[in-house]
PDB file of N, CA and C in Angstrom:
ATOM      1  N   MET A   1       3.756 -17.984  -3.775  1.00  0.00           N
ATOM      2  CA  MET A   1       4.479 -16.928  -3.239  1.00  0.00           C
ATOM      3  C   MET A   1       3.562 -16.013  -2.785  1.00  0.00           C
ATOM      4  N   PRO A   2       3.310 -15.565  -1.656  1.00  0.00           N
ATOM      5  CA  PRO A   2       2.544 -14.709  -1.289  1.00  0.00           C
ATOM      6  C   PRO A   2       2.897 -13.301  -1.605  1.00  0.00           C
ATOM      7  N   PHE A   3       2.351 -12.300  -2.619  1.00  0.00           N
ATOM      8  CA  PHE A   3       2.655 -11.087  -2.714  1.00  0.00           C
ATOM      9  C   PHE A   3       1.690 -10.223  -2.341  1.00  0.00           C
ATOM     10  N   GLU A   4       0.566 -10.780  -1.557  1.00  0.00           N
ATOM     11  CA  GLU A   4      -0.469  -9.922  -1.046  1.00  0.00           C
ATOM     12  C   GLU A   4       0.210  -9.786   0.444  1.00  0.00           C
ATOM     13  N   LEU A   5       0.693  -8.501   0.670  1.00  0.00           N
ATOM     14  CA  LEU A   5       1.310  -8.243   2.057  1.00  0.00           C
ATOM     15  C   LEU A   5       0.521  -7.562   3.015  1.00  0.00           C
ATOM     16  N   ALA A   6      -0.147  -8.048   3.982  1.00  0.00           N
ATOM     17  CA  ALA A   6      -1.123  -7.488   4.874  1.00  0.00           C
ATOM     18  C   ALA A   6      -2.058  -6.262   4.215  1.00  0.00           C
ATOM     19  N   GLY A   7      -2.661  -6.491   3.077  1.00  0.00           N
ATOM     20  CA  GLY A   7      -3.408  -5.661   2.286  1.00  0.00           C
ATOM     21  C   GLY A   7      -2.840  -4.558   1.742  1.00  0.00           C
ATOM     22  N   ARG A   8      -1.473  -4.488   1.447  1.00  0.00           N
ATOM     23  CA  ARG A   8      -0.795  -3.485   0.663  1.00  0.00           C
ATOM     24  C   ARG A   8      -0.991  -3.896  -0.779  1.00  0.00           C
ATOM     25  N   SER A   9      -1.221  -2.760  -1.449  1.00  0.00           N
ATOM     26  CA  SER A   9      -1.413  -2.965  -2.798  1.00  0.00           C
ATOM     27  C   SER A   9      -0.063  -2.453  -3.524  1.00  0.00           C
ATOM     28  N   PRO A  10       0.338  -3.055  -4.626  1.00  0.00           N
ATOM     29  CA  PRO A  10       1.581  -2.851  -5.277  1.00  0.00           C
ATOM     30  C   PRO A  10       1.676  -1.391  -5.688  1.00  0.00           C
ATOM     31  N   TYR A  11       2.878  -0.699  -5.755  1.00  0.00           N
ATOM     32  CA  TYR A  11       2.924   0.749  -6.133  1.00  0.00           C
ATOM     33  C   TYR A  11       2.446   1.004  -7.530  1.00  0.00           C
ATOM     34  N   VAL A  12       1.721   2.063  -7.752  1.00  0.00           N
ATOM     35  CA  VAL A  12       1.169   2.232  -9.142  1.00  0.00           C
ATOM     36  C   VAL A  12       1.869   3.397  -9.763  1.00  0.00           C
ATOM     37  N   ARG A  13       2.468   3.288 -10.979  1.00  0.00           N
ATOM     38  CA  ARG A  13       3.202   4.159 -11.670  1.00  0.00           C
ATOM     39  C   ARG A  13       2.447   5.399 -11.917  1.00  0.00           C
ATOM     40  N   ASP A  14       2.111   6.251 -11.121  1.00  0.00           N
ATOM     41  CA  ASP A  14       1.270   7.353 -11.419  1.00  0.00           C
ATOM     42  C   ASP A  14       1.766   8.586 -11.306  1.00  0.00           C
ATOM     43  N   GLY A  15       3.154   8.775 -11.560  1.00  0.00           N
ATOM     44  CA  GLY A  15       3.963   9.914 -11.390  1.00  0.00           C
ATOM     45  C   GLY A  15       3.439  11.271 -11.918  1.00  0.00           C
ATOM     46  N   ALA A  16       2.715  11.073 -12.941  1.00  0.00           N
ATOM     47  CA  ALA A  16       2.331  12.321 -13.722  1.00  0.00           C
ATOM     48  C   ALA A  16       1.117  13.012 -12.586  1.00  0.00           C
ATOM     49  N   ASP A  17       0.414  12.087 -12.181  1.00  0.00           N
ATOM     50  CA  ASP A  17      -0.840  12.580 -11.437  1.00  0.00           C
ATOM     51  C   ASP A  17      -0.163  13.073  -9.940  1.00  0.00           C
ATOM     52  N   ARG A  18       0.723  12.267  -9.470  1.00  0.00           N
ATOM     53  CA  ARG A  18       1.380  12.564  -8.210  1.00  0.00           C
ATOM     54  C   ARG A  18       1.945  13.931  -8.230  1.00  0.00           C
ATOM     55  N   LEU A  19       2.772  14.068  -9.316  1.00  0.00           N
ATOM     56  CA  LEU A  19       3.486  15.342  -9.476  1.00  0.00           C
ATOM     57  C   LEU A  19       2.654  16.441  -9.713  1.00  0.00           C
ATOM     58  N   GLN A  20       1.641  16.271 -10.313  1.00  0.00           N
ATOM     59  CA  GLN A  20       0.642  17.479 -10.694  1.00  0.00           C
ATOM     60  C   GLN A  20       0.049  17.871  -9.362  1.00  0.00           C
ATOM     61  N   VAL A  21      -0.564  16.932  -8.507  1.00  0.00           N
ATOM     62  CA  VAL A  21      -0.979  17.287  -7.223  1.00  0.00           C
ATOM     63  C   VAL A  21      -0.008  17.858  -6.273  1.00  0.00           C
ATOM     64  N   PHE A  22       1.081  17.463  -6.268  1.00  0.00           N
ATOM     65  CA  PHE A  22       2.293  18.010  -5.558  1.00  0.00           C
ATOM     66  C   PHE A  22       2.646  19.382  -5.899  1.00  0.00           C
ATOM     67  N   LEU A  23       2.737  19.695  -7.178  1.00  0.00           N
ATOM     68  CA  LEU A  23       3.057  21.109  -7.714  1.00  0.00           C
ATOM     69  C   LEU A  23       2.157  22.155  -7.439  1.00  0.00           C
ATOM     70  N   ARG A  24       0.760  21.571  -7.503  1.00  0.00           N
ATOM     71  CA  ARG A  24      -0.302  22.582  -7.360  1.00  0.00           C
ATOM     72  C   ARG A  24      -0.468  23.160  -6.005  1.00  0.00           C
ATOM     73  N   ARG A  25       0.183  22.621  -5.020  1.00  0.00           N
ATOM     74  CA  ARG A  25       0.366  23.261  -3.808  1.00  0.00           C
ATOM     75  C   ARG A  25       1.233  24.480  -3.630  1.00  0.00           C
ATOM     76  N   PHE A  26       1.996  24.813  -4.739  1.00  0.00           N
ATOM     77  CA  PHE A  26       2.632  25.955  -5.003  1.00  0.00           C
ATOM     78  C   PHE A  26       2.082  26.971  -5.825  1.00  0.00           C
ATOM     79  N   PRO A  27       2.030  28.206  -5.263  1.00  0.00           N
ATOM     80  CA  PRO A  27       1.205  29.374  -6.125  1.00  0.00           C
ATOM     81  C   PRO A  27       1.572  29.387  -7.569  1.00  0.00           C
ATOM     82  N   GLN A  28       2.838  29.299  -7.805  1.00  0.00           N
ATOM     83  CA  GLN A  28       3.431  29.557  -9.342  1.00  0.00           C
ATOM     84  C   GLN A  28       2.923  28.396 -10.071  1.00  0.00           C
ATOM     85  N   HIS A  29       2.663  27.225  -9.455  1.00  0.00           N
ATOM     86  CA  HIS A  29       2.206  26.045 -10.202  1.00  0.00           C
ATOM     87  C   HIS A  29       0.709  25.824 -10.102  1.00  0.00           C
ATOM     88  N   HIS A  30      -0.014  26.531  -9.457  1.00  0.00           N
ATOM     89  CA  HIS A  30      -1.561  26.245  -9.150  1.00  0.00           C
ATOM     90  C   HIS A  30      -2.381  25.524 -10.063  1.00  0.00           C
ATOM     91  N   ASP A  31      -2.182  25.827 -11.613  1.00  0.00           N
ATOM     92  CA  ASP A  31      -2.975  25.391 -12.652  1.00  0.00           C
ATOM     93  C   ASP A  31      -2.109  24.503 -13.496  1.00  0.00           C
ATOM     94  N   VAL A  32      -1.067  23.944 -13.105  1.00  0.00           N
ATOM     95  CA  VAL A  32      -0.153  23.060 -13.968  1.00  0.00           C
ATOM     96  C   VAL A  32      -0.762  21.997 -14.383  1.00  0.00           C
ATOM     97  N   VAL A  33      -0.669  21.485 -15.585  1.00  0.00           N
ATOM     98  CA  VAL A  33      -1.117  20.270 -16.031  1.00  0.00           C
ATOM     99  C   VAL A  33      -0.028  19.351 -16.627  1.00  0.00           C
ATOM    100  N   ILE A  34       0.148  18.070 -16.085  1.00  0.00           N
ATOM    101  CA  ILE A  34       1.398  17.230 -16.268  1.00  0.00           C
ATOM    102  C   ILE A  34       0.950  16.077 -16.905  1.00  0.00           C
ATOM    103  N   ASN A  35       1.496  15.648 -18.082  1.00  0.00           N
ATOM    104  CA  ASN A  35       1.224  14.225 -18.800  1.00  0.00           C
ATOM    105  C   ASN A  35       2.437  13.699 -18.521  1.00  0.00           C
ATOM    106  N   GLY A  36       2.574  12.191 -18.843  1.00  0.00           N
ATOM    107  CA  GLY A  36       3.485  11.196 -18.649  1.00  0.00           C
ATOM    108  C   GLY A  36       4.892  11.523 -19.366  1.00  0.00           C
ATOM    109  N   PHE A  37       4.600  12.410 -20.543  1.00  0.00           N
ATOM    110  CA  PHE A  37       5.977  12.847 -21.297  1.00  0.00           C
ATOM    111  C   PHE A  37       6.619  13.976 -20.651  1.00  0.00           C
ATOM    112  N   ASP A  38       6.041  14.572 -19.476  1.00  0.00           N
ATOM    113  CA  ASP A  38       6.632  15.725 -19.084  1.00  0.00           C
ATOM    114  C   ASP A  38       7.546  15.432 -17.845  1.00  0.00           C
ATOM    115  N   LEU A  39       7.585  14.119 -17.453  1.00  0.00           N
ATOM    116  CA  LEU A  39       8.216  13.652 -16.399  1.00  0.00           C
ATOM    117  C   LEU A  39       9.791  13.291 -16.601  1.00  0.00           C
ATOM    118  N   ALA A  40      10.354  13.452 -15.541  1.00  0.00           N
ATOM    119  CA  ALA A  40      11.775  12.751 -15.456  1.00  0.00           C
ATOM    120  C   ALA A  40      11.792  12.087 -14.111  1.00  0.00           C
ATOM    121  N   VAL A  41      12.238  10.636 -14.344  1.00  0.00           N
ATOM    122  CA  VAL A  41      12.172  10.103 -12.858  1.00  0.00           C
ATOM    123  C   VAL A  41      13.383   9.372 -12.651  1.00  0.00           C
ATOM    124  N   SER A  42      13.977   9.590 -11.678  1.00  0.00           N
ATOM    125  CA  SER A  42      15.195   8.839 -11.233  1.00  0.00           C
ATOM    126  C   SER A  42      15.023   7.862  -9.981  1.00  0.00           C
ATOM    127  N   ALA A  43      15.803   6.743  -9.796  1.00  0.00           N
ATOM    128  CA  ALA A  43      15.346   6.060  -8.823  1.00  0.00           C
ATOM    129  C   ALA A  43      16.773   5.290  -8.242  1.00  0.00           C
ATOM    130  N   ARG A  44      16.990   5.220  -7.089  1.00  0.00           N
ATOM    131  CA  ARG A  44      18.316   4.582  -6.541  1.00  0.00           C
ATOM    132  C   ARG A  44      17.700   3.917  -5.203  1.00  0.00           C
ATOM    133  N   ASN A  45      18.722   3.186  -4.674  1.00  0.00           N
ATOM    134  CA  ASN A  45      18.514   2.681  -3.387  1.00  0.00           C
ATOM    135  C   ASN A  45      18.834   3.756  -2.079  1.00  0.00           C
ATOM    136  N   ALA A  46      17.890   3.634  -1.146  1.00  0.00           N
ATOM    137  CA  ALA A  46      17.937   4.544  -0.244  1.00  0.00           C
ATOM    138  C   ALA A  46      19.248   4.433   0.642  1.00  0.00           C
ATOM    139  N   GLY A  47      20.043   5.399   1.044  1.00  0.00           N
ATOM    140  CA  GLY A  47      21.026   5.150   1.868  1.00  0.00           C
ATOM    141  C   GLY A  47      20.760   4.980   3.521  1.00  0.00           C
ATOM    142  N   GLN A  48      19.526   5.312   3.749  1.00  0.00           N
ATOM    143  CA  GLN A  48      19.126   5.092   5.362  1.00  0.00           C
ATOM    144  C   GLN A  48      17.581   5.078   5.294  1.00  0.00           C
ATOM    145  N   ALA A  49      16.873   4.547   6.395  1.00  0.00           N
ATOM    146  CA  ALA A  49      15.545   4.486   6.408  1.00  0.00           C
ATOM    147  C   ALA A  49      15.106   5.096   7.760  1.00  0.00           C
ATOM    148  N   THR A  50      13.747   5.617   7.618  1.00  0.00           N
ATOM    149  CA  THR A  50      13.174   5.853   8.891  1.00  0.00           C
ATOM    150  C   THR A  50      12.703   4.891   9.688  1.00  0.00           C
ATOM    151  N   ARG A  51      12.224   4.959  11.008  1.00  0.00           N
ATOM    152  CA  ARG A  51      11.871   4.097  11.822  1.00  0.00           C
ATOM    153  C   ARG A  51      10.644   3.121  11.299  1.00  0.00           C
ATOM    154  N   SER A  52       9.829   3.982  10.743  1.00  0.00           N
ATOM    155  CA  SER A  52       8.659   3.111   9.927  1.00  0.00           C
ATOM    156  C   SER A  52       9.093   2.568   8.596  1.00  0.00           C
ATOM    157  N   GLN A  53      10.117   3.036   7.972  1.00  0.00           N
ATOM    158  CA  GLN A  53      10.331   2.354   6.763  1.00  0.00           C
ATOM    159  C   GLN A  53      11.135   1.062   7.200  1.00  0.00           C
ATOM    160  N   TRP A  54      12.011   0.980   8.135  1.00  0.00           N
ATOM    161  CA  TRP A  54      12.658   0.101   8.599  1.00  0.00           C
ATOM    162  C   TRP A  54      11.797  -1.098   9.033  1.00  0.00           C
ATOM    163  N   ALA A  55      10.699  -0.496   9.764  1.00  0.00           N
ATOM    164  CA  ALA A  55       9.560  -1.574  10.265  1.00  0.00           C
ATOM    165  C   ALA A  55       8.966  -2.254   9.057  1.00  0.00           C
ATOM    166  N   LEU A  56       8.605  -1.574   8.057  1.00  0.00           N
ATOM    167  CA  LEU A  56       7.944  -2.037   6.735  1.00  0.00           C
ATOM    168  C   LEU A  56       8.874  -3.108   6.151  1.00  0.00           C
ATOM    169  N   LEU A  57      10.349  -2.785   5.946  1.00  0.00           N
ATOM    170  CA  LEU A  57      11.272  -3.640   5.519  1.00  0.00           C
ATOM    171  C   LEU A  57      11.156  -5.133   6.340  1.00  0.00           C
ATOM    172  N   GLN A  58      11.195  -5.080   7.566  1.00  0.00           N
ATOM    173  CA  GLN A  58      11.309  -6.180   8.516  1.00  0.00           C
ATOM    174  C   GLN A  58      10.011  -6.785   8.322  1.00  0.00           C
ATOM    175  N   GLU A  59       8.708  -6.236   8.407  1.00  0.00           N
ATOM    176  CA  GLU A  59       7.506  -6.877   8.083  1.00  0.00           C
ATOM    177  C   GLU A  59       7.371  -7.692   6.707  1.00  0.00           C
ATOM    178  N   ILE A  60       7.951  -7.229   5.786  1.00  0.00           N
ATOM    179  CA  ILE A  60       7.951  -7.724   4.400  1.00  0.00           C
ATOM    180  C   ILE A  60       8.977  -8.969   4.459  1.00  0.00           C
ATOM    181  N   LYS A  61      10.096  -8.853   5.167  1.00  0.00           N
ATOM    182  CA  LYS A  61      11.094  -9.887   5.092  1.00  0.00           C
ATOM    183  C   LYS A  61      10.571 -11.036   5.791  1.00  0.00           C
ATOM    184  N   ALA A  62       9.678 -10.757   7.054  1.00  0.00           N
ATOM    185  CA  ALA A  62       9.088 -11.910   7.890  1.00  0.00           C
ATOM    186  C   ALA A  62       8.170 -12.660   7.076  1.00  0.00           C
ATOM    187  N   VAL A  63       7.473 -11.959   5.977  1.00  0.00           N
ATOM    188  CA  VAL A  63       6.350 -12.753   5.247  1.00  0.00           C
ATOM    189  C   VAL A  63       7.093 -13.470   4.098  1.00  0.00           C
ATOM    190  N   ILE A  64       8.202 -12.865   3.484  1.00  0.00           N
ATOM    191  CA  ILE A  64       8.849 -13.638   2.353  1.00  0.00           C
ATOM    192  C   ILE A  64      10.392 -13.520   2.656  1.00  0.00           C
ATOM    193  N   PRO A  65      10.728 -14.439   3.738  1.00  0.00           N
ATOM    194  CA  PRO A  65      11.972 -14.396   4.047  1.00  0.00           C
ATOM    195  C   PRO A  65      13.159 -14.700   3.188  1.00  0.00           C
ATOM    196  N   ASP A  66      12.908 -15.219   2.082  1.00  0.00           N
ATOM    197  CA  ASP A  66      13.836 -15.594   0.909  1.00  0.00           C
ATOM    198  C   ASP A  66      13.980 -14.539  -0.071  1.00  0.00           C
ATOM    199  N   ALA A  67      13.139 -13.450   0.049  1.00  0.00           N
ATOM    200  CA  ALA A  67      13.054 -12.389  -1.048  1.00  0.00           C
ATOM    201  C   ALA A  67      14.188 -11.355  -0.637  1.00  0.00           C
ATOM    202  N   ASN A  68      14.495 -10.578  -1.832  1.00  0.00           N
ATOM    203  CA  ASN A  68      15.379  -9.488  -1.726  1.00  0.00           C
ATOM    204  C   ASN A  68      14.310  -8.246  -1.547  1.00  0.00           C
ATOM    205  N   VAL A  69      14.509  -7.512  -0.301  1.00  0.00           N
ATOM    206  CA  VAL A  69      13.790  -6.572  -0.066  1.00  0.00           C
ATOM    207  C   VAL A  69      14.703  -5.139   0.045  1.00  0.00           C
ATOM    208  N   THR A  70      14.400  -4.122  -0.727  1.00  0.00           N
ATOM    209  CA  THR A  70      15.147  -2.745  -0.762  1.00  0.00           C
ATOM    210  C   THR A  70      14.324  -1.747  -0.647  1.00  0.00           C
ATOM    211  N   LEU A  71      14.757  -0.829  -0.005  1.00  0.00           N
ATOM    212  CA  LEU A  71      14.239   0.541   0.087  1.00  0.00           C
ATOM    213  C   LEU A  71      14.634   1.395  -0.971  1.00  0.00           C
ATOM    214  N   ARG A  72      13.912   2.116  -1.666  1.00  0.00           N
ATOM    215  CA  ARG A  72      14.282   2.870  -2.866  1.00  0.00           C
ATOM    216  C   ARG A  72      13.715   4.284  -2.719  1.00  0.00           C
ATOM    217  N   VAL A  73      14.508   5.134  -3.382  1.00  0.00           N
ATOM    218  CA  VAL A  73      14.088   6.573  -3.491  1.00  0.00           C
ATOM    219  C   VAL A  73      13.842   7.010  -4.914  1.00  0.00           C
ATOM    220  N   ARG A  74      12.601   7.648  -5.090  1.00  0.00           N
ATOM    221  CA  ARG A  74      12.151   7.787  -6.503  1.00  0.00           C
ATOM    222  C   ARG A  74      12.199   9.356  -6.498  1.00  0.00           C
ATOM    223  N   GLU A  75      12.680  10.098  -7.287  1.00  0.00           N
ATOM    224  CA  GLU A  75      12.465  11.572  -7.687  1.00  0.00           C
ATOM    225  C   GLU A  75      11.865  11.756  -8.857  1.00  0.00           C
ATOM    226  N   ILE A  76      10.651  12.587  -9.009  1.00  0.00           N
ATOM    227  CA  ILE A  76       9.960  12.842  -9.911  1.00  0.00           C
ATOM    228  C   ILE A  76      10.100  14.330 -10.201  1.00  0.00           C
ATOM    229  N   SER A  77      10.504  14.664 -11.293  1.00  0.00           N
ATOM    230  CA  SER A  77      10.536  16.038 -11.630  1.00  0.00           C
ATOM    231  C   SER A  77       9.992  16.623 -13.002  1.00  0.00           C
ATOM    232  N   TRP A  78       9.745  17.611 -13.070  1.00  0.00           N
ATOM    233  CA  TRP A  78       8.896  18.260 -14.372  1.00  0.00           C
ATOM    234  C   TRP A  78       9.994  18.657 -15.270  1.00  0.00           C
ATOM    235  N   LYS A  79       9.930  18.123 -16.509  1.00  0.00           N
ATOM    236  CA  LYS A  79      10.912  18.527 -17.531  1.00  0.00           C
ATOM    237  C   LYS A  79      10.728  20.081 -18.023  1.00  0.00           C
ATOM    238  N   CYS A  80       9.498  20.332 -17.954  1.00  0.00           N
ATOM    239  CA  CYS A  80       9.119  21.723 -18.487  1.00  0.00           C
ATOM    240  C   CYS A  80       9.591  22.878 -17.666  1.00  0.00           C
ATOM    241  N   ASP A  81       9.985  22.614 -16.281  1.00  0.00           N
ATOM    242  CA  ASP A  81      10.365  23.628 -15.456  1.00  0.00           C
ATOM    243  C   ASP A  81      11.382  23.007 -14.564  1.00  0.00           C
ATOM    244  N   HIS A  82      12.674  23.085 -14.907  1.00  0.00           N
ATOM    245  CA  HIS A  82      13.679  22.484 -14.098  1.00  0.00           C
ATOM    246  C   HIS A  82      13.841  23.042 -12.728  1.00  0.00           C
ATOM    247  N   LYS A  83      13.271  24.244 -12.538  1.00  0.00           N
ATOM    248  CA  LYS A  83      13.468  24.912 -11.179  1.00  0.00           C
ATOM    249  C   LYS A  83      12.300  24.314 -10.186  1.00  0.00           C
ATOM    250  N   ALA A  84      11.164  23.794 -10.798  1.00  0.00           N
ATOM    251  CA  ALA A  84      10.185  23.354  -9.925  1.00  0.00           C
ATOM    252  C   ALA A  84      10.533  22.313  -8.996  1.00  0.00           C
ATOM    253  N   PRO A  85       9.963  22.340  -7.787  1.00  0.00           N
ATOM    254  CA  PRO A  85      10.316  21.335  -6.747  1.00  0.00           C
ATOM    255  C   PRO A  85      10.271  19.851  -7.261  1.00  0.00           C
ATOM    256  N   LYS A  86      10.886  19.008  -6.802  1.00  0.00           N
ATOM    257  CA  LYS A  86      10.913  17.596  -7.195  1.00  0.00           C
ATOM    258  C   LYS A  86      10.178  16.971  -5.988  1.00  0.00           C
ATOM    259  N   LEU A  87       9.294  16.010  -6.571  1.00  0.00           N
ATOM    260  CA  LEU A  87       8.672  14.970  -5.662  1.00  0.00           C
ATOM    261  C   LEU A  87       9.423  13.711  -5.216  1.00  0.00           C
ATOM    262  N   THR A  88       9.608  13.653  -4.034  1.00  0.00           N
ATOM    263  CA  THR A  88      10.352  12.499  -3.610  1.00  0.00           C
ATOM    264  C   THR A  88       9.564  11.430  -2.870  1.00  0.00           C
ATOM    265  N   LEU A  89       9.600  10.234  -3.289  1.00  0.00           N
ATOM    266  CA  LEU A  89       8.823   9.050  -3.067  1.00  0.00           C
ATOM    267  C   LEU A  89       9.746   8.028  -2.608  1.00  0.00           C
ATOM    268  N   PHE A  90       9.171   7.092  -1.409  1.00  0.00           N
ATOM    269  CA  PHE A  90      10.066   6.129  -0.991  1.00  0.00           C
ATOM    270  C   PHE A  90       9.198   4.918  -1.355  1.00  0.00           C
ATOM    271  N   THR A  91       9.903   3.818  -2.007  1.00  0.00           N
ATOM    272  CA  THR A  91       9.210   2.481  -2.138  1.00  0.00           C
ATOM    273  C   THR A  91      10.059   1.534  -1.745  1.00  0.00           C
ATOM    274  N   VAL A  92       9.454   0.216  -1.531  1.00  0.00           N
ATOM    275  CA  VAL A  92       9.974  -0.864  -1.193  1.00  0.00           C
ATOM    276  C   VAL A  92      10.129  -1.853  -2.189  1.00  0.00           C
ATOM    277  N   LEU A  93      11.092  -2.330  -2.917  1.00  0.00           N
ATOM    278  CA  LEU A  93      11.292  -3.163  -4.086  1.00  0.00           C
ATOM    279  C   LEU A  93      11.498  -4.505  -3.468  1.00  0.00           C
ATOM    280  N   VAL A  94      10.559  -5.375  -3.771  1.00  0.00           N
ATOM    281  CA  VAL A  94      10.695  -6.806  -3.425  1.00  0.00           C
ATOM    282  C   VAL A  94      10.872  -7.714  -4.721  1.00  0.00           C
ATOM    283  N   THR A  95      11.942  -8.595  -4.661  1.00  0.00           N
ATOM    284  CA  THR A  95      12.138  -9.363  -5.630  1.00  0.00           C
ATOM    285  C   THR A  95      12.502 -10.691  -5.216  1.00  0.00           C
ATOM    286  N   LYS A  96      12.064 -11.881  -5.908  1.00  0.00           N
ATOM    287  CA  LYS A  96      12.057 -13.217  -5.552  1.00  0.00           C
ATOM    288  C   LYS A  96      12.405 -13.970  -6.845  1.00  0.00           C
ATOM    289  N   LYS A  97      13.168 -14.890  -6.826  1.00  0.00           N
ATOM    290  CA  LYS A  97      13.388 -15.950  -7.859  1.00  0.00           C
ATOM    291  C   LYS A  97      12.704 -17.118  -7.524  1.00  0.00           C
ATOM    292  N   CYS A  98      11.819 -17.486  -8.587  1.00  0.00           N
ATOM    293  CA  CYS A  98      10.991 -18.466  -8.552  1.00  0.00           C
ATOM    294  C   CYS A  98      11.397 -19.486  -9.772  1.00  0.00           C
ATOM    295  N   GLY A  99      12.411 -20.347  -9.577  1.00  0.00           N
ATOM    296  CA  GLY A  99      12.853 -21.207 -10.721  1.00  0.00           C
ATOM    297  C   GLY A  99      13.423 -20.240 -11.650  1.00  0.00           C
ATOM    298  N   ALA A 100      12.966 -20.248 -12.837  1.00  0.00           N
ATOM    299  CA  ALA A 100      13.785 -19.422 -13.936  1.00  0.00           C
ATOM    300  C   ALA A 100      13.113 -17.999 -14.025  1.00  0.00           C
ATOM    301  N   VAL A 101      12.001 -17.774 -13.241  1.00  0.00           N
ATOM    302  CA  VAL A 101      11.260 -16.467 -13.230  1.00  0.00           C
ATOM    303  C   VAL A 101      11.477 -15.787 -11.959  1.00  0.00           C
ATOM    304  N   SER A 102      11.756 -14.398 -12.398  1.00  0.00           N
ATOM    305  CA  SER A 102      12.149 -13.443 -11.365  1.00  0.00           C
ATOM    306  C   SER A 102      10.772 -12.712 -11.061  1.00  0.00           C
ATOM    307  N   LEU A 103      10.127 -12.777  -9.876  1.00  0.00           N
ATOM    308  CA  LEU A 103       9.096 -11.928  -9.369  1.00  0.00           C
ATOM    309  C   LEU A 103       9.227 -10.636  -8.911  1.00  0.00           C
ATOM    310  N   ARG A 104       8.573  -9.545  -9.204  1.00  0.00           N
ATOM    311  CA  ARG A 104       9.347  -8.418  -8.736  1.00  0.00           C
ATOM    312  C   ARG A 104       7.756  -7.408  -8.360  1.00  0.00           C
ATOM    313  N   ARG A 105       7.816  -6.784  -7.152  1.00  0.00           N
ATOM    314  CA  ARG A 105       6.545  -5.944  -6.939  1.00  0.00           C
ATOM    315  C   ARG A 105       7.340  -4.846  -6.076  1.00  0.00           C
ATOM    316  N   GLU A 106       6.642  -3.808  -6.274  1.00  0.00           N
ATOM    317  CA  GLU A 106       7.001  -2.486  -5.380  1.00  0.00           C
ATOM    318  C   GLU A 106       5.964  -2.058  -4.684  1.00  0.00           C
ATOM    319  N   PHE A 107       6.119  -1.485  -3.353  1.00  0.00           N
ATOM    320  CA  PHE A 107       5.083  -0.983  -2.511  1.00  0.00           C
ATOM    321  C   PHE A 107       5.652   0.289  -1.969  1.00  0.00           C
ATOM    322  N   LEU A 108       4.442   1.271  -1.935  1.00  0.00           N
ATOM    323  CA  LEU A 108       4.868   2.590  -1.483  1.00  0.00           C
ATOM    324  C   LEU A 108       5.141   2.493   0.033  1.00  0.00           C
ATOM    325  N   ALA A 109       6.154   3.485   0.267  1.00  0.00           N
ATOM    326  CA  ALA A 109       6.675   3.355   1.833  1.00  0.00           C
ATOM    327  C   ALA A 109       6.520   4.799   2.241  1.00  0.00           C
ATOM    328  N   SER A 110       6.385   4.906   3.615  1.00  0.00           N
ATOM    329  CA  SER A 110       6.207   6.251   4.037  1.00  0.00           C
ATOM    330  C   SER A 110       7.315   7.212   3.947  1.00  0.00           C
ATOM    331  N   SER A 111       7.045   8.300   3.802  1.00  0.00           N
ATOM    332  CA  SER A 111       8.296   9.235   3.626  1.00  0.00           C
ATOM    333  C   SER A 111       8.670   9.925   4.791  1.00  0.00           C
ATOM    334  N   GLU A 112       7.974   9.921   5.963  1.00  0.00           N
ATOM    335  CA  GLU A 112       8.178  10.706   7.184  1.00  0.00           C
ATOM    336  C   GLU A 112       9.634  10.579   7.635  1.00  0.00           C
TER     337      GLU A 112
END
């Protein structure tokens, strides 16, 4: 089964690094250092998609027509400061059953 989708790399679970870069844009968090233990991550299916997200979903379905393709919303927050802004990411979860094995890949989607 092709899980190489037009050069797209699987989503890397690098939430601590992403959140740190995001929070450092805010003056009150300009020198924040975040590790993986400082994160709270929630994920759910997205209720709607932008035009580019919808196009990505359709592109993946065309390549792997028998896969389940779902747009997901991932919110990453900092446990040490509950008032700090949350980082919102959109991903596309692709799952496919191959016999007794379930394959699963997640790809970063645009958040525009």
